[in-house]
């Protein structure tokens, strides 16, 4: 096996450094012959490219690619096109893996004794920048996604046969799960690989993050409609929260949007000041979901009006 680890990145230089150092520190043997790390920079403005160019000796496995700002779907496609490996591993540039990461994926794929499988590793969320791998697994880290590019390994030829990622997903969300629908139609099955652990770092929650988080939820709503246009099924409607149940649920919990980043600001800051930033984030998800659902219906209405 030759693995190509494809990593799209955009303005994440500090955590990307930790990501790449962890990947250079892999312990591996049979059936892995070798590996490369394909970093696709999506037009970063934080010095990522010059830093990587001057650190080539520290990262001998890294191959650097560039593209204009087109989003992670196009970046991953470019990474696959440049990859030399017969197996592709997708991770995000804010993921720090253990030294047995690649070996664990390889062992799972071999043990499956089938070529119609891909392995999905464990992702543990953490806000500990100095020691991200010290974070324990939590119930909130569970994911039921079929194909998510935070930590997945798959034979390259299946990606080619499925048609790679749809580059029209230029905003936040759904490009990996949409590809997953096509992979499922090809008969591929997911194998859980809990020993292939990646620690997904994000900064501790603050109120300053909310405008960006709201914008991402609105983008996710718009991309959700593109997802549904391609696969108009009840399963996809549930995934993108395009049902009366979701609209009722988040509408009731947010009092029709009256509980939002402005009206909840004092209470959320009170929680943050008492060291409960994670609780503040979970509460914020109520109105963040409301923004998402409203964006889904607004995008759908806009399409109907245009047609």
C-alpha atoms as a PDB file:
ATOM      1  CA  UNK A   1       0.000   0.000   0.000  1.00  0.00           C
ATOM      2  CA  UNK A   2       1.129   3.517  -0.802  1.00  0.00           C
ATOM      3  CA  UNK A   3      -0.909   6.194   0.973  1.00  0.00           C
ATOM      4  CA  UNK A   4      -1.420   9.760  -0.202  1.00  0.00           C
ATOM      5  CA  UNK A   5      -2.745  11.984   2.575  1.00  0.00           C
ATOM      6  CA  UNK A   6      -4.662  14.863   0.997  1.00  0.00           C
ATOM      7  CA  UNK A   7      -5.034  18.007   3.110  1.00  0.00           C
ATOM      8  CA  UNK A   8      -6.778  21.160   1.877  1.00  0.00           C
ATOM      9  CA  UNK A   9      -5.829  24.224   3.895  1.00  0.00           C
ATOM     10  CA  UNK A  10      -6.788  27.878   4.089  1.00  0.00           C
ATOM     11  CA  UNK A  11      -5.251  30.262   6.626  1.00  0.00           C
ATOM     12  CA  UNK A  12      -4.518  27.619   9.281  1.00  0.00           C
ATOM     13  CA  UNK A  13      -0.741  27.839   9.492  1.00  0.00           C
ATOM     14  CA  UNK A  14      -0.297  27.435  13.310  1.00  0.00           C
ATOM     15  CA  UNK A  15      -2.290  24.218  13.599  1.00  0.00           C
ATOM     16  CA  UNK A  16      -1.133  23.003  10.170  1.00  0.00           C
ATOM     17  CA  UNK A  17       2.405  22.934  11.584  1.00  0.00           C
ATOM     18  CA  UNK A  18       1.283  20.493  14.291  1.00  0.00           C
ATOM     19  CA  UNK A  19      -0.702  18.493  11.737  1.00  0.00           C
ATOM     20  CA  UNK A  20       2.279  18.005   9.428  1.00  0.00           C
ATOM     21  CA  UNK A  21       4.759  17.241  12.219  1.00  0.00           C
ATOM     22  CA  UNK A  22       2.469  14.482  13.464  1.00  0.00           C
ATOM     23  CA  UNK A  23       2.271  13.029   9.967  1.00  0.00           C
ATOM     24  CA  UNK A  24       6.065  13.007   9.660  1.00  0.00           C
ATOM     25  CA  UNK A  25       6.202  10.976  12.876  1.00  0.00           C
ATOM     26  CA  UNK A  26       4.329   7.903  11.631  1.00  0.00           C
ATOM     27  CA  UNK A  27       5.320   4.410  12.751  1.00  0.00           C
ATOM     28  CA  UNK A  28       4.405   1.965  10.012  1.00  0.00           C
ATOM     29  CA  UNK A  29       5.266  -1.373   8.449  1.00  0.00           C
ATOM     30  CA  UNK A  30       3.559  -4.031   6.355  1.00  0.00           C
ATOM     31  CA  UNK A  31       1.353  -3.554   4.324  1.00  0.00           C
ATOM     32  CA  UNK A  32       2.398   0.119   3.977  1.00  0.00           C
ATOM     33  CA  UNK A  33       5.283   0.677   1.587  1.00  0.00           C
ATOM     34  CA  UNK A  34       5.466   4.458   1.872  1.00  0.00           C
ATOM     35  CA  UNK A  35       3.335   7.581   1.977  1.00  0.00           C
ATOM     36  CA  UNK A  36       3.169  11.183   0.849  1.00  0.00           C
ATOM     37  CA  UNK A  37       1.334  14.219   2.201  1.00  0.00           C
ATOM     38  CA  UNK A  38      -0.334  16.369  -0.462  1.00  0.00           C
ATOM     39  CA  UNK A  39      -1.077  19.827   0.968  1.00  0.00           C
ATOM     40  CA  UNK A  40      -3.356  21.895  -1.265  1.00  0.00           C
ATOM     41  CA  UNK A  41      -3.306  25.562  -0.321  1.00  0.00           C
ATOM     42  CA  UNK A  42      -6.579  27.305  -1.194  1.00  0.00           C
ATOM     43  CA  UNK A  43      -4.994  30.761  -1.620  1.00  0.00           C
ATOM     44  CA  UNK A  44      -4.048  31.367   2.022  1.00  0.00           C
ATOM     45  CA  UNK A  45      -2.997  34.855   3.085  1.00  0.00           C
ATOM     46  CA  UNK A  46      -1.306  33.929   6.383  1.00  0.00           C
ATOM     47  CA  UNK A  47       2.106  32.952   5.035  1.00  0.00           C
ATOM     48  CA  UNK A  48       1.361  29.237   4.725  1.00  0.00           C
ATOM     49  CA  UNK A  49       3.010  28.842   1.313  1.00  0.00           C
ATOM     50  CA  UNK A  50       6.326  30.634   2.006  1.00  0.00           C
ATOM     51  CA  UNK A  51       6.600  28.862   5.358  1.00  0.00           C
ATOM     52  CA  UNK A  52       6.155  25.433   3.746  1.00  0.00           C
ATOM     53  CA  UNK A  53       8.590  26.297   0.973  1.00  0.00           C
ATOM     54  CA  UNK A  54      11.288  27.171   3.511  1.00  0.00           C
ATOM     55  CA  UNK A  55      10.569  24.072   5.648  1.00  0.00           C
ATOM     56  CA  UNK A  56      10.935  21.469   2.908  1.00  0.00           C
ATOM     57  CA  UNK A  57      13.705  19.606   4.755  1.00  0.00           C
ATOM     58  CA  UNK A  58      11.578  19.247   7.891  1.00  0.00           C
ATOM     59  CA  UNK A  59       8.684  17.796   5.886  1.00  0.00           C
ATOM     60  CA  UNK A  60      10.166  15.403   3.313  1.00  0.00           C
ATOM     61  CA  UNK A  61       6.808  13.664   2.732  1.00  0.00           C
ATOM     62  CA  UNK A  62       5.001  16.893   1.826  1.00  0.00           C
ATOM     63  CA  UNK A  63       4.108  17.860  -1.726  1.00  0.00           C
ATOM     64  CA  UNK A  64       2.693  21.389  -1.934  1.00  0.00           C
ATOM     65  CA  UNK A  65       0.016  22.360  -4.463  1.00  0.00           C
ATOM     66  CA  UNK A  66      -1.724  25.698  -5.010  1.00  0.00           C
ATOM     67  CA  UNK A  67      -5.074  26.864  -6.285  1.00  0.00           C
ATOM     68  CA  UNK A  68      -7.055  30.077  -6.382  1.00  0.00           C
ATOM     69  CA  UNK A  69      -9.685  30.280  -3.634  1.00  0.00           C
ATOM     70  CA  UNK A  70     -12.191  27.657  -4.830  1.00  0.00           C
ATOM     71  CA  UNK A  71     -13.061  25.785  -1.655  1.00  0.00           C
ATOM     72  CA  UNK A  72     -12.204  22.377  -0.167  1.00  0.00           C
ATOM     73  CA  UNK A  73     -14.008  20.281  -2.795  1.00  0.00           C
ATOM     74  CA  UNK A  74     -11.845  21.585  -5.646  1.00  0.00           C
ATOM     75  CA  UNK A  75      -8.773  21.440  -3.382  1.00  0.00           C
ATOM     76  CA  UNK A  76      -9.324  17.771  -2.580  1.00  0.00           C
ATOM     77  CA  UNK A  77      -9.844  16.987  -6.264  1.00  0.00           C
ATOM     78  CA  UNK A  78      -6.523  18.631  -7.076  1.00  0.00           C
ATOM     79  CA  UNK A  79      -4.910  16.651  -4.292  1.00  0.00           C
ATOM     80  CA  UNK A  80      -6.242  13.371  -5.654  1.00  0.00           C
ATOM     81  CA  UNK A  81      -5.051  14.283  -9.146  1.00  0.00           C
ATOM     82  CA  UNK A  82      -1.541  14.954  -7.806  1.00  0.00           C
ATOM     83  CA  UNK A  83      -1.481  11.910  -5.544  1.00  0.00           C
ATOM     84  CA  UNK A  84       0.839   8.981  -6.291  1.00  0.00           C
ATOM     85  CA  UNK A  85      -0.796   6.598  -3.848  1.00  0.00           C
ATOM     86  CA  UNK A  86      -3.217   3.781  -4.557  1.00  0.00           C
ATOM     87  CA  UNK A  87      -5.006   4.731  -1.321  1.00  0.00           C
ATOM     88  CA  UNK A  88      -6.117   8.241  -0.373  1.00  0.00           C
ATOM     89  CA  UNK A  89      -6.472   9.497   3.187  1.00  0.00           C
ATOM     90  CA  UNK A  90      -8.458  12.685   3.675  1.00  0.00           C
ATOM     91  CA  UNK A  91      -7.951  14.780   6.792  1.00  0.00           C
ATOM     92  CA  UNK A  92      -8.430  18.459   7.575  1.00  0.00           C
ATOM     93  CA  UNK A  93      -5.524  20.801   8.236  1.00  0.00           C
ATOM     94  CA  UNK A  94      -6.586  21.289  11.866  1.00  0.00           C
ATOM     95  CA  UNK A  95      -6.296  17.573  12.691  1.00  0.00           C
ATOM     96  CA  UNK A  96      -3.373  16.199  14.733  1.00  0.00           C
ATOM     97  CA  UNK A  97      -2.993  12.423  14.447  1.00  0.00           C
ATOM     98  CA  UNK A  98      -1.278   9.754  16.548  1.00  0.00           C
ATOM     99  CA  UNK A  99       1.892   7.988  15.372  1.00  0.00           C
ATOM    100  CA  UNK A 100      -0.080   4.801  14.575  1.00  0.00           C
ATOM    101  CA  UNK A 101      -2.649   6.649  12.452  1.00  0.00           C
ATOM    102  CA  UNK A 102      -1.691   5.326   9.011  1.00  0.00           C
ATOM    103  CA  UNK A 103      -0.942   1.803  10.236  1.00  0.00           C
ATOM    104  CA  UNK A 104      -4.382   1.608  11.860  1.00  0.00           C
ATOM    105  CA  UNK A 105      -6.132   2.572   8.631  1.00  0.00           C
ATOM    106  CA  UNK A 106      -4.058   0.052   6.670  1.00  0.00           C
ATOM    107  CA  UNK A 107      -4.771  -2.767   9.133  1.00  0.00           C
ATOM    108  CA  UNK A 108      -8.531  -2.077   8.984  1.00  0.00           C
ATOM    109  CA  UNK A 109      -8.583  -2.081   5.188  1.00  0.00           C
ATOM    110  CA  UNK A 110      -6.632  -5.348   4.990  1.00  0.00           C
ATOM    111  CA  UNK A 111      -8.727  -7.044   7.674  1.00  0.00           C
ATOM    112  CA  UNK A 112     -11.909  -6.250   5.746  1.00  0.00           C
ATOM    113  CA  UNK A 113     -10.931  -8.734   3.005  1.00  0.00           C
ATOM    114  CA  UNK A 114     -13.013  -6.758   0.526  1.00  0.00           C
ATOM    115  CA  UNK A 115     -12.126  -4.040  -1.947  1.00  0.00           C
ATOM    116  CA  UNK A 116     -15.522  -2.333  -1.630  1.00  0.00           C
ATOM    117  CA  UNK A 117     -14.797  -0.693   1.713  1.00  0.00           C
ATOM    118  CA  UNK A 118     -13.268   2.442   3.161  1.00  0.00           C
ATOM    119  CA  UNK A 119     -12.124   3.071   6.730  1.00  0.00           C
ATOM    120  CA  UNK A 120     -13.349   5.897   8.914  1.00  0.00           C
ATOM    121  CA  UNK A 121     -11.202   6.877  11.889  1.00  0.00           C
ATOM    122  CA  UNK A 122     -12.098   8.514  15.159  1.00  0.00           C
ATOM    123  CA  UNK A 123     -12.159  12.324  15.444  1.00  0.00           C
ATOM    124  CA  UNK A 124     -11.825  13.836  18.909  1.00  0.00           C
ATOM    125  CA  UNK A 125     -12.576  17.534  19.264  1.00  0.00           C
ATOM    126  CA  UNK A 126     -10.268  19.608  21.428  1.00  0.00           C
ATOM    127  CA  UNK A 127      -9.429  23.250  22.143  1.00  0.00           C
ATOM    128  CA  UNK A 128      -6.082  22.332  23.732  1.00  0.00           C
ATOM    129  CA  UNK A 129      -3.563  23.770  21.268  1.00  0.00           C
ATOM    130  CA  UNK A 130      -0.420  22.887  23.227  1.00  0.00           C
ATOM    131  CA  UNK A 131      -1.350  19.233  23.861  1.00  0.00           C
ATOM    132  CA  UNK A 132      -4.225  18.345  21.514  1.00  0.00           C
ATOM    133  CA  UNK A 133      -3.673  14.585  21.774  1.00  0.00           C
ATOM    134  CA  UNK A 134      -4.333  14.654  25.535  1.00  0.00           C
ATOM    135  CA  UNK A 135      -8.090  15.122  25.008  1.00  0.00           C
ATOM    136  CA  UNK A 136     -10.256  12.087  25.947  1.00  0.00           C
ATOM    137  CA  UNK A 137     -13.025  10.790  23.690  1.00  0.00           C
ATOM    138  CA  UNK A 138     -16.404  12.300  24.550  1.00  0.00           C
ATOM    139  CA  UNK A 139     -19.984  11.436  23.671  1.00  0.00           C
ATOM    140  CA  UNK A 140     -20.205  14.656  21.644  1.00  0.00           C
ATOM    141  CA  UNK A 141     -17.381  13.367  19.405  1.00  0.00           C
ATOM    142  CA  UNK A 142     -19.603  10.609  17.985  1.00  0.00           C
ATOM    143  CA  UNK A 143     -20.388  10.912  14.279  1.00  0.00           C
ATOM    144  CA  UNK A 144     -22.942   8.954  12.259  1.00  0.00           C
ATOM    145  CA  UNK A 145     -21.714  10.320   8.916  1.00  0.00           C
ATOM    146  CA  UNK A 146     -21.195   7.758   6.154  1.00  0.00           C
ATOM    147  CA  UNK A 147     -18.295   9.506   4.403  1.00  0.00           C
ATOM    148  CA  UNK A 148     -16.669  12.471   6.117  1.00  0.00           C
ATOM    149  CA  UNK A 149     -13.294  13.835   5.072  1.00  0.00           C
ATOM    150  CA  UNK A 150     -12.119  14.647   8.582  1.00  0.00           C
ATOM    151  CA  UNK A 151     -10.492  11.200   8.834  1.00  0.00           C
ATOM    152  CA  UNK A 152     -11.130   8.641   6.093  1.00  0.00           C
ATOM    153  CA  UNK A 153      -9.069   6.246   3.931  1.00  0.00           C
ATOM    154  CA  UNK A 154     -10.254   4.888   0.572  1.00  0.00           C
ATOM    155  CA  UNK A 155      -8.832   3.280  -2.562  1.00  0.00           C
ATOM    156  CA  UNK A 156      -8.116   5.986  -5.132  1.00  0.00           C
ATOM    157  CA  UNK A 157      -9.878   4.177  -7.977  1.00  0.00           C
ATOM    158  CA  UNK A 158     -13.225   4.381  -6.155  1.00  0.00           C
ATOM    159  CA  UNK A 159     -12.943   8.167  -5.966  1.00  0.00           C
ATOM    160  CA  UNK A 160     -12.219   8.297  -9.696  1.00  0.00           C
ATOM    161  CA  UNK A 161     -15.115   5.976 -10.491  1.00  0.00           C
ATOM    162  CA  UNK A 162     -17.514   7.998  -8.337  1.00  0.00           C
ATOM    163  CA  UNK A 163     -16.456  11.209 -10.082  1.00  0.00           C
ATOM    164  CA  UNK A 164     -14.516  12.912  -7.253  1.00  0.00           C
ATOM    165  CA  UNK A 165     -15.975  15.857  -5.339  1.00  0.00           C
ATOM    166  CA  UNK A 166     -18.458  18.204  -6.966  1.00  0.00           C
ATOM    167  CA  UNK A 167     -16.513  21.482  -7.233  1.00  0.00           C
ATOM    168  CA  UNK A 168     -19.789  23.448  -7.235  1.00  0.00           C
ATOM    169  CA  UNK A 169     -19.707  23.072  -3.453  1.00  0.00           C
ATOM    170  CA  UNK A 170     -17.592  26.202  -3.056  1.00  0.00           C
ATOM    171  CA  UNK A 171     -19.145  27.301   0.217  1.00  0.00           C
ATOM    172  CA  UNK A 172     -19.181  25.534   3.569  1.00  0.00           C
ATOM    173  CA  UNK A 173     -20.650  22.074   3.918  1.00  0.00           C
ATOM    174  CA  UNK A 174     -21.886  18.826   2.382  1.00  0.00           C
ATOM    175  CA  UNK A 175     -19.308  18.182  -0.364  1.00  0.00           C
ATOM    176  CA  UNK A 176     -18.007  15.058   1.385  1.00  0.00           C
ATOM    177  CA  UNK A 177     -21.388  13.625   2.330  1.00  0.00           C
ATOM    178  CA  UNK A 178     -22.632  14.196  -1.221  1.00  0.00           C
ATOM    179  CA  UNK A 179     -19.713  12.152  -2.555  1.00  0.00           C
ATOM    180  CA  UNK A 180     -20.590   9.571   0.085  1.00  0.00           C
ATOM    181  CA  UNK A 181     -24.037   9.118  -1.478  1.00  0.00           C
ATOM    182  CA  UNK A 182     -22.389   8.282  -4.810  1.00  0.00           C
ATOM    183  CA  UNK A 183     -19.921   5.921  -3.160  1.00  0.00           C
ATOM    184  CA  UNK A 184     -22.770   4.125  -1.420  1.00  0.00           C
ATOM    185  CA  UNK A 185     -24.463   3.632  -4.786  1.00  0.00           C
ATOM    186  CA  UNK A 186     -21.273   1.895  -5.958  1.00  0.00           C
ATOM    187  CA  UNK A 187     -21.725  -0.585  -3.127  1.00  0.00           C
ATOM    188  CA  UNK A 188     -18.996   0.651  -0.809  1.00  0.00           C
ATOM    189  CA  UNK A 189     -19.270   0.025   2.897  1.00  0.00           C
ATOM    190  CA  UNK A 190     -17.871   1.941   5.854  1.00  0.00           C
ATOM    191  CA  UNK A 191     -15.539   0.264   8.327  1.00  0.00           C
ATOM    192  CA  UNK A 192     -15.090   1.988  11.670  1.00  0.00           C
ATOM    193  CA  UNK A 193     -11.422   2.335  12.582  1.00  0.00           C
ATOM    194  CA  UNK A 194     -11.325   3.708  16.163  1.00  0.00           C
ATOM    195  CA  UNK A 195      -7.546   3.236  16.467  1.00  0.00           C
ATOM    196  CA  UNK A 196      -6.905   5.735  13.644  1.00  0.00           C
ATOM    197  CA  UNK A 197      -7.316   8.745  15.907  1.00  0.00           C
ATOM    198  CA  UNK A 198      -7.216  12.376  14.897  1.00  0.00           C
ATOM    199  CA  UNK A 199      -7.605  15.313  17.286  1.00  0.00           C
ATOM    200  CA  UNK A 200      -9.599  18.116  15.698  1.00  0.00           C
ATOM    201  CA  UNK A 201      -8.436  21.402  17.173  1.00  0.00           C
ATOM    202  CA  UNK A 202     -10.561  24.512  17.406  1.00  0.00           C
ATOM    203  CA  UNK A 203     -10.011  27.583  19.585  1.00  0.00           C
ATOM    204  CA  UNK A 204     -12.049  27.902  22.800  1.00  0.00           C
ATOM    205  CA  UNK A 205     -15.457  29.388  22.086  1.00  0.00           C
ATOM    206  CA  UNK A 206     -15.853  33.159  22.347  1.00  0.00           C
ATOM    207  CA  UNK A 207     -18.597  35.541  21.296  1.00  0.00           C
ATOM    208  CA  UNK A 208     -16.305  36.955  18.609  1.00  0.00           C
ATOM    209  CA  UNK A 209     -16.635  33.661  16.724  1.00  0.00           C
ATOM    210  CA  UNK A 210     -20.414  33.887  16.364  1.00  0.00           C
ATOM    211  CA  UNK A 211     -20.618  36.055  13.194  1.00  0.00           C
ATOM    212  CA  UNK A 212     -18.367  33.607  11.348  1.00  0.00           C
ATOM    213  CA  UNK A 213     -20.276  30.623  12.730  1.00  0.00           C
ATOM    214  CA  UNK A 214     -23.585  32.130  11.632  1.00  0.00           C
ATOM    215  CA  UNK A 215     -22.207  32.752   8.149  1.00  0.00           C
ATOM    216  CA  UNK A 216     -21.048  29.124   7.932  1.00  0.00           C
ATOM    217  CA  UNK A 217     -24.500  27.897   8.935  1.00  0.00           C
ATOM    218  CA  UNK A 218     -26.081  30.030   6.231  1.00  0.00           C
ATOM    219  CA  UNK A 219     -23.578  28.719   3.682  1.00  0.00           C
ATOM    220  CA  UNK A 220     -24.309  25.185   4.844  1.00  0.00           C
ATOM    221  CA  UNK A 221     -27.985  25.828   4.231  1.00  0.00           C
ATOM    222  CA  UNK A 222     -27.333  27.036   0.683  1.00  0.00           C
ATOM    223  CA  UNK A 223     -25.041  24.098  -0.080  1.00  0.00           C
ATOM    224  CA  UNK A 224     -27.635  21.787   1.439  1.00  0.00           C
ATOM    225  CA  UNK A 225     -30.052  22.736  -1.328  1.00  0.00           C
ATOM    226  CA  UNK A 226     -27.422  21.869  -3.941  1.00  0.00           C
ATOM    227  CA  UNK A 227     -27.029  18.518  -2.174  1.00  0.00           C
ATOM    228  CA  UNK A 228     -30.801  17.960  -2.320  1.00  0.00           C
ATOM    229  CA  UNK A 229     -31.000  18.972  -5.971  1.00  0.00           C
ATOM    230  CA  UNK A 230     -28.500  16.242  -6.804  1.00  0.00           C
ATOM    231  CA  UNK A 231     -30.123  13.631  -4.540  1.00  0.00           C
ATOM    232  CA  UNK A 232     -33.809  14.509  -3.920  1.00  0.00           C
ATOM    233  CA  UNK A 233     -34.457  11.871  -1.256  1.00  0.00           C
ATOM    234  CA  UNK A 234     -36.012  11.901   2.194  1.00  0.00           C
ATOM    235  CA  UNK A 235     -32.662  10.848   3.672  1.00  0.00           C
ATOM    236  CA  UNK A 236     -30.965  13.955   2.280  1.00  0.00           C
ATOM    237  CA  UNK A 237     -33.843  16.180   3.413  1.00  0.00           C
ATOM    238  CA  UNK A 238     -33.297  14.890   6.942  1.00  0.00           C
ATOM    239  CA  UNK A 239     -29.550  15.465   6.695  1.00  0.00           C
ATOM    240  CA  UNK A 240     -29.883  19.084   5.586  1.00  0.00           C
ATOM    241  CA  UNK A 241     -32.750  19.731   8.054  1.00  0.00           C
ATOM    242  CA  UNK A 242     -35.246  20.506   5.303  1.00  0.00           C
ATOM    243  CA  UNK A 243     -38.333  19.211   7.127  1.00  0.00           C
ATOM    244  CA  UNK A 244     -41.193  20.763   9.063  1.00  0.00           C
ATOM    245  CA  UNK A 245     -39.936  18.902  12.125  1.00  0.00           C
ATOM    246  CA  UNK A 246     -36.568  20.676  12.075  1.00  0.00           C
ATOM    247  CA  UNK A 247     -38.161  24.028  11.403  1.00  0.00           C
ATOM    248  CA  UNK A 248     -40.596  23.501  14.285  1.00  0.00           C
ATOM    249  CA  UNK A 249     -37.926  22.185  16.674  1.00  0.00           C
ATOM    250  CA  UNK A 250     -35.384  24.972  16.236  1.00  0.00           C
ATOM    251  CA  UNK A 251     -38.135  27.560  15.864  1.00  0.00           C
ATOM    252  CA  UNK A 252     -39.618  26.608  19.235  1.00  0.00           C
ATOM    253  CA  UNK A 253     -36.254  26.319  21.006  1.00  0.00           C
ATOM    254  CA  UNK A 254     -35.073  29.682  19.668  1.00  0.00           C
ATOM    255  CA  UNK A 255     -38.493  31.327  20.103  1.00  0.00           C
ATOM    256  CA  UNK A 256     -38.695  31.969  16.389  1.00  0.00           C
ATOM    257  CA  UNK A 257     -35.164  33.360  16.289  1.00  0.00           C
ATOM    258  CA  UNK A 258     -35.696  35.727  19.223  1.00  0.00           C
ATOM    259  CA  UNK A 259     -33.072  33.869  21.223  1.00  0.00           C
ATOM    260  CA  UNK A 260     -30.010  34.712  19.158  1.00  0.00           C
ATOM    261  CA  UNK A 261     -26.431  35.967  19.329  1.00  0.00           C
ATOM    262  CA  UNK A 262     -27.605  39.380  20.490  1.00  0.00           C
ATOM    263  CA  UNK A 263     -30.278  38.516  23.059  1.00  0.00           C
ATOM    264  CA  UNK A 264     -28.197  35.642  24.487  1.00  0.00           C
ATOM    265  CA  UNK A 265     -24.870  37.506  24.534  1.00  0.00           C
ATOM    266  CA  UNK A 266     -24.860  38.424  28.254  1.00  0.00           C
ATOM    267  CA  UNK A 267     -25.757  34.908  29.380  1.00  0.00           C
ATOM    268  CA  UNK A 268     -23.255  33.249  27.034  1.00  0.00           C
ATOM    269  CA  UNK A 269     -20.480  35.567  28.195  1.00  0.00           C
ATOM    270  CA  UNK A 270     -21.410  34.781  31.806  1.00  0.00           C
ATOM    271  CA  UNK A 271     -20.876  31.081  31.096  1.00  0.00           C
ATOM    272  CA  UNK A 272     -17.588  31.743  29.296  1.00  0.00           C
ATOM    273  CA  UNK A 273     -16.279  33.852  32.179  1.00  0.00           C
ATOM    274  CA  UNK A 274     -16.928  30.885  34.512  1.00  0.00           C
ATOM    275  CA  UNK A 275     -14.931  28.480  32.396  1.00  0.00           C
ATOM    276  CA  UNK A 276     -17.950  26.927  30.702  1.00  0.00           C
ATOM    277  CA  UNK A 277     -17.212  27.892  27.109  1.00  0.00           C
ATOM    278  CA  UNK A 278     -18.187  24.441  25.810  1.00  0.00           C
ATOM    279  CA  UNK A 279     -21.617  24.721  27.434  1.00  0.00           C
ATOM    280  CA  UNK A 280     -21.974  28.215  25.939  1.00  0.00           C
ATOM    281  CA  UNK A 281     -21.163  26.748  22.518  1.00  0.00           C
ATOM    282  CA  UNK A 282     -23.715  23.946  22.876  1.00  0.00           C
ATOM    283  CA  UNK A 283     -26.406  26.474  23.829  1.00  0.00           C
ATOM    284  CA  UNK A 284     -25.433  28.637  20.853  1.00  0.00           C
ATOM    285  CA  UNK A 285     -26.073  25.664  18.575  1.00  0.00           C
ATOM    286  CA  UNK A 286     -29.797  26.214  19.163  1.00  0.00           C
ATOM    287  CA  UNK A 287     -29.916  29.511  17.292  1.00  0.00           C
ATOM    288  CA  UNK A 288     -27.139  28.420  14.916  1.00  0.00           C
ATOM    289  CA  UNK A 289     -29.403  25.578  13.787  1.00  0.00           C
ATOM    290  CA  UNK A 290     -32.226  28.068  13.408  1.00  0.00           C
ATOM    291  CA  UNK A 291     -30.070  30.134  11.046  1.00  0.00           C
ATOM    292  CA  UNK A 292     -29.212  26.977   9.120  1.00  0.00           C
ATOM    293  CA  UNK A 293     -32.806  25.848   8.675  1.00  0.00           C
ATOM    294  CA  UNK A 294     -33.932  29.320   7.628  1.00  0.00           C
ATOM    295  CA  UNK A 295     -31.095  29.447   5.074  1.00  0.00           C
ATOM    296  CA  UNK A 296     -32.180  26.073   3.669  1.00  0.00           C
ATOM    297  CA  UNK A 297     -35.737  27.273   3.096  1.00  0.00           C
ATOM    298  CA  UNK A 298     -34.603  30.665   1.783  1.00  0.00           C
ATOM    299  CA  UNK A 299     -32.314  29.005  -0.771  1.00  0.00           C
ATOM    300  CA  UNK A 300     -35.072  26.608  -1.804  1.00  0.00           C
ATOM    301  CA  UNK A 301     -37.544  29.470  -2.208  1.00  0.00           C
ATOM    302  CA  UNK A 302     -35.030  31.418  -4.270  1.00  0.00           C
ATOM    303  CA  UNK A 303     -34.608  28.482  -6.648  1.00  0.00           C
ATOM    304  CA  UNK A 304     -38.377  28.069  -7.030  1.00  0.00           C
ATOM    305  CA  UNK A 305     -38.753  31.799  -7.697  1.00  0.00           C
ATOM    306  CA  UNK A 306     -35.958  31.732 -10.307  1.00  0.00           C
ATOM    307  CA  UNK A 307     -37.530  28.811 -12.130  1.00  0.00           C
END
